[in-house]
Amino acid sequence: METKNIGLRGIEVADTKISNIDGEKGKLIYRGFDILDLTKNSTFEETSYLLLYDKLPTKQQLDEFNTKLIDARFIPKQMQKNMANWRKDADPMDMLQAFVAALAGYYDEEFSNKEASYDKAINLIAKVPTIIASWHRIRNGLATVDPDPTLSHAANFLYMMFGKKPDPEVEKIFDVCLILHGDHTFNASTFTARQVASTRAHMYSAASAAIGALSGELHGGANTEVMKMLLDIGEVGKTEQWIKKEMSAGAKIMGMGHAVYKTYDPRAQVLKELSRKLAEKTKDPWFDITEKVETVTISEMKLQKNKEIYPNVDLYSASLYYMLKIPLDLNTPIFAIARVVGWAAHIIEEKFAEAAPKTALYRPKAVYVGKYCGPQGCEYQTLNLRK
């Protein structure tokens, strides 16, 4: 029996007011605001407030929100000591998942009311960058760098990573990257967060589960695979031959195509220009190679399969992070720095949505295709369980 809707593609599982994708037009909306407008006119902190509270903040509200974020940046010293006991080659996503879950051992798990859940959200948003930066330095035998209360969310992370303040242009580029990755409706990790939240588990558990979902190469790990591809290609002149060889062998070109967008991913539009700008500054070849990957893949897809394909968010974010000197294995954790805002907003919506019954628990139906056993032995049967 043919199984339909594999991966729940096209199946509506819940209502949301947080974000929306128009795959045909290539639009991404956060709480009613176009992502392209937000990248031009907002900051990550302001966008985070919007995603959490369903409104743009006044100056006073934004100042208070920033103060709470800054105050919550520090992580327990014991947590950093525990990091030192880990293997230095441990997967950073495993580390992040473990220490986000561990936050429940240091802070009150209770968020039975909506206001308390916002405090947990701020705690998560503030601490995830510190966890990642601390691990990066500890595994490299470097002293950890305390958060700087004078710096923005984006600049502070880069400062904690590298021990020096980024220049304003680099800070702005990274800030825009965080805005672009803040939310993306019911992607795999966000759905995971909501599913765990539907059991009435606490926010740290739901966020930790989301990190586990994000760690897979088909989700958050995709831009790392893109960068491995770019490094393998090595130079612009080898790109066309490399892509043609891979596609002729039936291989998927990472960073191209999307499950929802049927045209150019709007996030990729912005990241492409940021990558171009940074390449002009660093003189690295990675933007030029990436752009060639895009044009050749589009051309070959039309030629070989008569189909249209477009870049997704991962294609240009790979070269961008690499030029920012971000280690390859931290690409996905950095994704989490931004996406934790969306996860928190969805966890709160899942638990406190006015339109949703408070006892709702995700419990999808499976189609059993296994064997049936009786006195005469076992055999596989085909039953239509979708009646």
Protein backbone atom coordinates (compact mmCIF):
# COMPACT_ATOMS: atom_id res chain seq x y z
CA MET A 1 0.00 0.00 0.00
CA GLU A 2 1.34 3.40 -0.94
CA THR A 3 1.91 5.65 2.05
CA LYS A 4 0.80 9.23 1.48
CA ASN A 5 1.85 12.43 3.25
CA ILE A 6 5.24 11.09 4.29
CA GLY A 7 6.77 13.49 6.78
CA LEU A 8 3.36 15.14 7.34
CA ARG A 9 3.93 17.24 4.21
CA GLY A 10 0.88 19.42 3.64
CA ILE A 11 -0.90 18.22 6.78
CA GLU A 12 -2.24 21.01 9.01
CA VAL A 13 -1.60 20.16 12.66
CA ALA A 14 -2.23 23.42 14.53
CA ASP A 15 -3.00 27.12 14.22
CA THR A 16 -0.29 29.71 14.76
CA LYS A 17 -0.04 33.50 14.85
CA ILE A 18 3.77 33.54 14.89
CA SER A 19 4.97 33.20 11.30
CA ASN A 20 3.76 32.32 7.83
CA ILE A 21 5.34 31.17 4.59
CA ASP A 22 3.94 31.84 1.13
CA GLY A 23 5.90 29.28 -0.84
CA GLU A 24 4.59 30.38 -4.22
CA LYS A 25 5.49 34.05 -3.77
CA GLY A 26 8.63 33.48 -1.68
CA LYS A 27 7.37 35.40 1.35
CA LEU A 28 8.19 34.90 5.03
CA ILE A 29 6.12 36.80 7.60
CA TYR A 30 6.88 37.26 11.32
CA ARG A 31 3.73 38.32 13.23
CA GLY A 32 2.48 40.16 10.13
CA PHE A 33 5.80 41.79 9.20
CA ASP A 34 7.73 40.83 6.05
CA ILE A 35 11.15 39.39 6.88
CA LEU A 36 12.74 41.65 4.25
CA ASP A 37 11.41 44.73 6.04
CA LEU A 38 12.64 43.47 9.40
CA THR A 39 16.18 42.86 8.12
CA LYS A 40 16.29 46.45 6.86
CA ASN A 41 14.63 48.24 9.77
CA SER A 42 14.83 46.09 12.89
CA THR A 43 17.37 44.43 15.18
CA PHE A 44 17.49 40.90 16.52
CA GLU A 45 16.39 42.09 19.96
CA GLU A 46 13.40 43.98 18.58
CA THR A 47 12.47 41.06 16.30
CA SER A 48 12.72 38.69 19.27
CA TYR A 49 10.30 40.85 21.22
CA LEU A 50 7.94 40.83 18.23
CA LEU A 51 8.04 37.04 17.93
CA LEU A 52 7.46 36.51 21.64
CA TYR A 53 4.86 39.18 22.41
CA ASP A 54 3.06 39.58 19.07
CA LYS A 55 3.77 43.30 18.82
CA LEU A 56 6.62 45.69 18.17
CA PRO A 57 7.92 47.18 21.42
CA THR A 58 7.91 50.79 22.45
CA LYS A 59 11.32 52.23 23.24
CA GLN A 60 10.74 51.64 26.95
CA GLN A 61 9.60 48.07 26.40
CA LEU A 62 12.62 47.34 24.20
CA ASP A 63 14.99 48.86 26.75
CA GLU A 64 13.48 46.73 29.50
CA PHE A 65 13.65 43.62 27.31
CA ASN A 66 17.30 44.30 26.46
CA THR A 67 18.11 44.76 30.13
CA LYS A 68 16.55 41.40 30.99
CA LEU A 69 18.48 39.70 28.18
CA ILE A 70 21.77 41.24 29.29
CA ASP A 71 21.18 40.33 32.94
CA ALA A 72 20.47 36.71 31.97
CA ARG A 73 23.57 36.16 29.79
CA PHE A 74 25.79 34.59 32.44
CA ILE A 75 25.68 30.82 32.86
CA PRO A 76 26.60 29.02 36.09
CA LYS A 77 30.36 28.56 36.55
CA GLN A 78 29.69 24.94 37.48
CA MET A 79 28.24 24.43 34.02
CA GLN A 80 31.48 25.67 32.45
CA LYS A 81 33.46 23.37 34.75
CA ASN A 82 31.33 20.46 33.59
CA MET A 83 32.07 21.36 29.97
CA ALA A 84 35.76 20.85 30.68
CA ASN A 85 35.02 17.19 31.44
CA TRP A 86 33.65 16.56 27.97
CA ARG A 87 35.73 15.16 25.10
CA LYS A 88 37.14 18.09 23.15
CA ASP A 89 35.94 16.50 19.91
CA ALA A 90 32.36 16.03 21.14
CA ASP A 91 29.66 17.24 18.76
CA PRO A 92 28.74 20.83 19.74
CA MET A 93 25.06 20.08 19.17
CA ASP A 94 25.20 17.22 21.65
CA MET A 95 26.84 19.61 24.09
CA LEU A 96 24.22 22.30 23.49
CA GLN A 97 21.33 19.87 23.86
CA ALA A 98 22.71 18.53 27.12
CA PHE A 99 23.41 21.90 28.73
CA VAL A 100 20.11 23.47 27.67
CA ALA A 101 18.36 20.53 29.33
CA ALA A 102 20.64 21.02 32.35
CA LEU A 103 19.36 24.58 32.82
CA ALA A 104 16.35 23.03 34.53
CA GLY A 105 18.69 21.91 37.31
CA TYR A 106 19.80 25.48 37.96
CA TYR A 107 16.61 27.45 37.39
CA ASP A 108 12.96 27.04 38.29
CA GLU A 109 11.27 24.83 35.71
CA GLU A 110 7.78 26.03 36.51
CA PHE A 111 6.02 28.03 33.83
CA SER A 112 2.41 27.19 34.53
CA ASN A 113 1.37 30.73 33.66
CA LYS A 114 2.14 32.78 30.59
CA GLU A 115 4.12 35.53 32.33
CA ALA A 116 6.50 33.05 33.95
CA SER A 117 7.04 31.39 30.59
CA TYR A 118 8.31 34.66 29.14
CA ASP A 119 10.99 34.77 31.84
CA LYS A 120 12.07 31.25 30.86
CA ALA A 121 12.15 32.31 27.22
CA ILE A 122 14.42 35.26 27.98
CA ASN A 123 16.67 33.02 30.06
CA LEU A 124 17.03 30.62 27.13
CA ILE A 125 17.60 33.30 24.50
CA ALA A 126 20.26 34.97 26.64
CA LYS A 127 22.12 31.82 27.69
CA VAL A 128 22.32 29.78 24.49
CA PRO A 129 25.02 32.08 22.98
CA THR A 130 27.04 31.92 26.21
CA ILE A 131 26.85 28.11 26.30
CA ILE A 132 28.10 27.87 22.71
CA ALA A 133 30.89 30.44 23.11
CA SER A 134 32.01 28.88 26.39
CA TRP A 135 32.26 25.44 24.79
CA HIS A 136 34.20 26.81 21.82
CA ARG A 137 36.83 28.36 24.08
CA ILE A 138 37.01 25.50 26.60
CA ARG A 139 37.53 22.85 23.92
CA ASN A 140 40.34 24.95 22.45
CA GLY A 141 42.07 25.39 25.80
CA LEU A 142 41.16 29.06 26.06
CA ALA A 143 39.77 30.99 29.01
CA THR A 144 36.07 31.76 28.76
CA VAL A 145 35.07 35.36 28.07
CA ASP A 146 32.36 36.91 30.23
CA PRO A 147 29.45 38.63 28.48
CA ASP A 148 29.83 42.35 27.85
CA PRO A 149 26.71 44.28 28.94
CA THR A 150 27.54 47.15 26.56
CA LEU A 151 27.25 44.98 23.45
CA SER A 152 24.26 43.88 21.41
CA HIS A 153 23.16 40.25 21.33
CA ALA A 154 24.99 39.67 18.03
CA ALA A 155 28.17 41.54 18.96
CA ASN A 156 28.34 39.98 22.42
CA PHE A 157 28.33 36.45 21.00
CA LEU A 158 31.19 37.21 18.60
CA TYR A 159 33.07 38.90 21.46
CA MET A 160 32.63 35.85 23.73
CA MET A 161 33.78 33.60 20.88
CA PHE A 162 36.88 35.45 19.75
CA GLY A 163 37.81 37.68 22.67
CA LYS A 164 37.56 40.94 20.72
CA LYS A 165 34.70 43.19 19.75
CA PRO A 166 33.58 42.90 16.12
CA ASP A 167 33.59 45.92 13.87
CA PRO A 168 30.16 47.52 13.25
CA GLU A 169 29.79 46.07 9.74
CA VAL A 170 30.42 42.51 10.91
CA GLU A 171 28.07 43.05 13.87
CA LYS A 172 25.29 44.21 11.55
CA ILE A 173 25.80 41.28 9.18
CA PHE A 174 25.55 38.79 12.01
CA ASP A 175 22.54 40.60 13.51
CA VAL A 176 20.69 40.26 10.19
CA CYS A 177 21.59 36.56 10.05
CA LEU A 178 19.96 36.08 13.46
CA ILE A 179 16.80 37.89 12.34
CA LEU A 180 16.54 35.64 9.27
CA HIS A 181 16.81 32.46 11.34
CA GLY A 182 14.43 33.54 14.13
CA ASP A 183 11.44 31.45 13.04
CA HIS A 184 10.14 29.45 10.09
CA THR A 185 6.71 28.06 10.99
CA PHE A 186 6.45 24.32 11.66
CA ASN A 187 9.91 23.18 10.59
CA ALA A 188 11.22 19.93 12.10
CA SER A 189 12.74 21.43 15.26
CA THR A 190 9.85 23.79 15.93
CA PHE A 191 7.31 21.00 15.52
CA THR A 192 9.42 18.93 17.90
CA ALA A 193 9.34 21.75 20.47
CA ARG A 194 5.58 22.05 20.16
CA GLN A 195 5.06 18.31 20.35
CA VAL A 196 7.05 18.09 23.59
CA ALA A 197 5.29 21.20 24.96
CA SER A 198 1.93 19.57 24.20
CA THR A 199 2.73 16.95 26.85
CA ARG A 200 3.04 19.83 29.36
CA ALA A 201 6.79 19.27 29.67
CA HIS A 202 8.68 22.41 30.70
CA MET A 203 10.38 24.83 28.31
CA TYR A 204 13.94 23.59 28.82
CA SER A 205 12.88 20.05 27.88
CA ALA A 206 11.02 21.24 24.80
CA ALA A 207 13.94 23.42 23.66
CA SER A 208 16.43 20.62 24.27
CA ALA A 209 14.34 18.27 22.14
CA ALA A 210 14.20 20.91 19.40
CA ILE A 211 18.00 21.11 19.44
CA GLY A 212 18.13 17.37 18.89
CA ALA A 213 15.91 17.73 15.82
CA LEU A 214 17.99 20.66 14.56
CA SER A 215 21.19 18.63 14.74
CA GLY A 216 20.33 16.48 11.72
CA GLU A 217 22.02 17.26 8.41
CA LEU A 218 18.66 17.55 6.63
CA HIS A 219 17.66 20.39 8.96
CA GLY A 220 20.14 22.59 10.81
CA GLY A 221 23.20 20.73 9.58
CA ALA A 222 22.57 21.51 5.93
CA ASN A 223 24.72 24.65 5.74
CA THR A 224 27.68 22.71 7.12
CA GLU A 225 27.27 20.26 4.24
CA VAL A 226 27.14 23.22 1.84
CA MET A 227 30.47 24.51 3.12
CA LYS A 228 32.03 21.06 2.81
CA MET A 229 30.89 21.11 -0.81
CA LEU A 230 32.44 24.53 -1.40
CA LEU A 231 35.72 23.42 0.15
CA ASP A 232 35.70 20.32 -2.03
CA ILE A 233 35.14 22.40 -5.16
CA GLY A 234 37.92 24.76 -4.12
CA GLU A 235 37.80 27.31 -6.94
CA VAL A 236 35.27 28.89 -9.28
CA GLY A 237 36.72 27.28 -12.40
CA LYS A 238 36.02 23.77 -11.10
CA THR A 239 32.44 24.42 -10.07
CA GLU A 240 30.59 23.57 -13.27
CA GLN A 241 32.33 20.24 -13.77
CA TRP A 242 31.82 19.32 -10.09
CA ILE A 243 28.10 20.10 -10.14
CA LYS A 244 27.47 18.32 -13.43
CA LYS A 245 29.27 15.21 -12.21
CA GLU A 246 27.31 15.12 -8.94
CA MET A 247 23.94 15.71 -10.57
CA SER A 248 24.59 13.12 -13.29
CA ALA A 249 25.23 10.62 -10.49
CA GLY A 250 21.88 11.50 -8.93
CA ALA A 251 23.35 13.41 -5.97
CA LYS A 252 21.47 16.22 -4.26
CA ILE A 253 23.16 19.62 -4.32
CA MET A 254 22.98 20.90 -0.75
CA GLY A 255 21.57 24.39 -0.33
CA MET A 256 19.35 24.10 -3.40
CA GLY A 257 15.61 23.47 -3.26
CA HIS A 258 13.12 23.69 -0.42
CA ALA A 259 10.13 21.71 0.81
CA VAL A 260 7.90 24.79 0.90
CA TYR A 261 9.36 27.55 -1.26
CA LYS A 262 8.64 27.14 -4.97
CA THR A 263 10.70 30.20 -5.81
CA TYR A 264 13.70 32.01 -4.28
CA ASP A 265 13.83 31.64 -0.48
CA PRO A 266 13.58 35.28 0.73
CA ARG A 267 16.19 34.56 3.40
CA ALA A 268 18.61 33.41 0.70
CA GLN A 269 18.11 36.73 -1.11
CA VAL A 270 19.36 38.65 1.91
CA LEU A 271 22.15 36.21 2.76
CA LYS A 272 23.42 36.32 -0.81
CA GLU A 273 23.96 40.07 -0.62
CA LEU A 274 25.53 39.81 2.84
CA SER A 275 27.91 37.11 1.58
CA ARG A 276 28.80 39.27 -1.40
CA LYS A 277 29.51 42.24 0.86
CA LEU A 278 31.64 40.22 3.28
CA ALA A 279 33.61 38.62 0.43
CA GLU A 280 34.51 42.09 -0.82
CA LYS A 281 35.90 42.77 2.64
CA THR A 282 37.76 39.48 3.17
CA LYS A 283 38.76 38.79 -0.48
CA ASP A 284 37.77 35.14 0.02
CA PRO A 285 36.54 33.10 -3.01
CA TRP A 286 33.57 31.48 -1.29
CA PHE A 287 30.88 33.85 -2.50
CA ASP A 288 31.93 33.49 -6.12
CA ILE A 289 31.97 29.71 -5.86
CA THR A 290 28.56 29.70 -4.19
CA GLU A 291 27.04 31.93 -6.84
CA LYS A 292 28.43 29.61 -9.52
CA VAL A 293 26.91 26.61 -7.71
CA GLU A 294 23.56 28.38 -7.85
CA THR A 295 23.65 29.23 -11.56
CA VAL A 296 24.99 25.84 -12.68
CA THR A 297 22.53 23.87 -10.55
CA ILE A 298 19.57 25.89 -11.84
CA SER A 299 20.74 25.37 -15.42
CA GLU A 300 21.43 21.64 -15.02
CA MET A 301 18.12 21.01 -13.27
CA LYS A 302 16.26 22.54 -16.20
CA LEU A 303 18.38 20.61 -18.68
CA GLN A 304 18.35 17.22 -16.97
CA LYS A 305 14.90 17.16 -15.35
CA ASN A 306 13.05 20.12 -16.84
CA LYS A 307 12.45 21.43 -13.31
CA GLU A 308 13.08 24.74 -11.60
CA ILE A 309 15.12 24.89 -8.43
CA TYR A 310 16.22 27.81 -6.26
CA PRO A 311 18.62 28.43 -3.36
CA ASN A 312 17.43 27.94 0.19
CA VAL A 313 18.67 29.61 3.37
CA ASP A 314 21.64 27.27 3.72
CA LEU A 315 23.39 28.00 0.42
CA TYR A 316 24.73 31.46 1.24
CA SER A 317 24.74 31.20 5.03
CA ALA A 318 27.53 28.61 4.71
CA SER A 319 30.02 30.95 3.04
CA LEU A 320 28.91 33.83 5.24
CA TYR A 321 29.65 32.00 8.51
CA TYR A 322 32.91 30.63 7.13
CA MET A 323 34.10 34.16 6.27
CA LEU A 324 33.13 35.22 9.79
CA LYS A 325 35.66 32.59 10.98
CA ILE A 326 32.95 30.45 12.55
CA PRO A 327 34.16 26.82 12.84
CA LEU A 328 32.18 24.48 10.60
CA ASP A 329 30.80 22.42 13.45
CA LEU A 330 29.36 25.55 15.09
CA ASN A 331 27.18 26.48 12.10
CA THR A 332 24.22 24.57 13.46
CA PRO A 333 24.59 25.76 17.07
CA ILE A 334 24.63 29.33 15.74
CA PHE A 335 21.38 28.54 13.95
CA ALA A 336 20.03 27.67 17.41
CA ILE A 337 21.06 31.08 18.81
CA ALA A 338 18.39 32.62 16.60
CA ARG A 339 15.85 29.81 16.37
CA VAL A 340 15.53 29.48 20.15
CA VAL A 341 13.39 32.62 19.97
CA GLY A 342 10.97 30.94 17.59
CA TRP A 343 10.97 27.76 19.66
CA ALA A 344 10.12 29.70 22.81
CA ALA A 345 7.33 31.60 21.07
CA HIS A 346 5.84 28.34 19.75
CA ILE A 347 6.16 26.59 23.11
CA ILE A 348 4.25 29.45 24.75
CA GLU A 349 1.64 29.44 22.00
CA GLU A 350 1.24 25.66 22.25
CA LYS A 351 0.67 25.79 26.00
CA PHE A 352 -1.40 28.96 26.24
CA ALA A 353 -3.15 29.45 22.88
CA GLU A 354 -6.69 30.63 23.52
CA ALA A 355 -8.12 28.67 20.59
CA ALA A 356 -6.47 25.37 21.53
CA PRO A 357 -7.92 22.96 24.09
CA LYS A 358 -5.56 22.79 27.06
CA THR A 359 -5.56 18.99 26.96
CA ALA A 360 -4.46 18.72 23.32
CA LEU A 361 -1.65 16.22 22.86
CA TYR A 362 -0.05 15.44 19.52
CA ARG A 363 -0.85 11.83 18.73
CA PRO A 364 -0.68 11.17 14.96
CA LYS A 365 -1.99 7.99 13.45
CA ALA A 366 0.39 5.46 11.91
CA VAL A 367 -0.24 3.07 9.04
CA TYR A 368 0.81 -0.42 10.11
CA VAL A 369 2.59 -2.32 7.34
CA GLY A 370 4.08 -5.06 9.50
CA LYS A 371 3.17 -8.74 9.72
CA TYR A 372 0.15 -10.45 11.31
CA CYS A 373 0.72 -13.71 13.15
CA GLY A 374 -1.59 -16.59 14.02
CA PRO A 375 -1.58 -20.35 14.49
CA GLN A 376 -0.49 -20.86 10.87
CA GLY A 377 2.48 -18.51 11.18
CA CYS A 378 3.10 -14.91 10.16
CA GLU A 379 2.42 -13.08 6.95
CA TYR A 380 2.31 -9.51 5.73
CA GLN A 381 -1.14 -8.19 4.97
CA THR A 382 -2.32 -5.01 3.38
CA LEU A 383 -5.07 -3.30 5.30
CA ASN A 384 -6.58 0.06 4.50
CA LEU A 385 -6.39 1.81 7.86
CA ARG A 386 -7.39 5.21 6.53
CA LYS A 387 -11.13 4.58 6.29
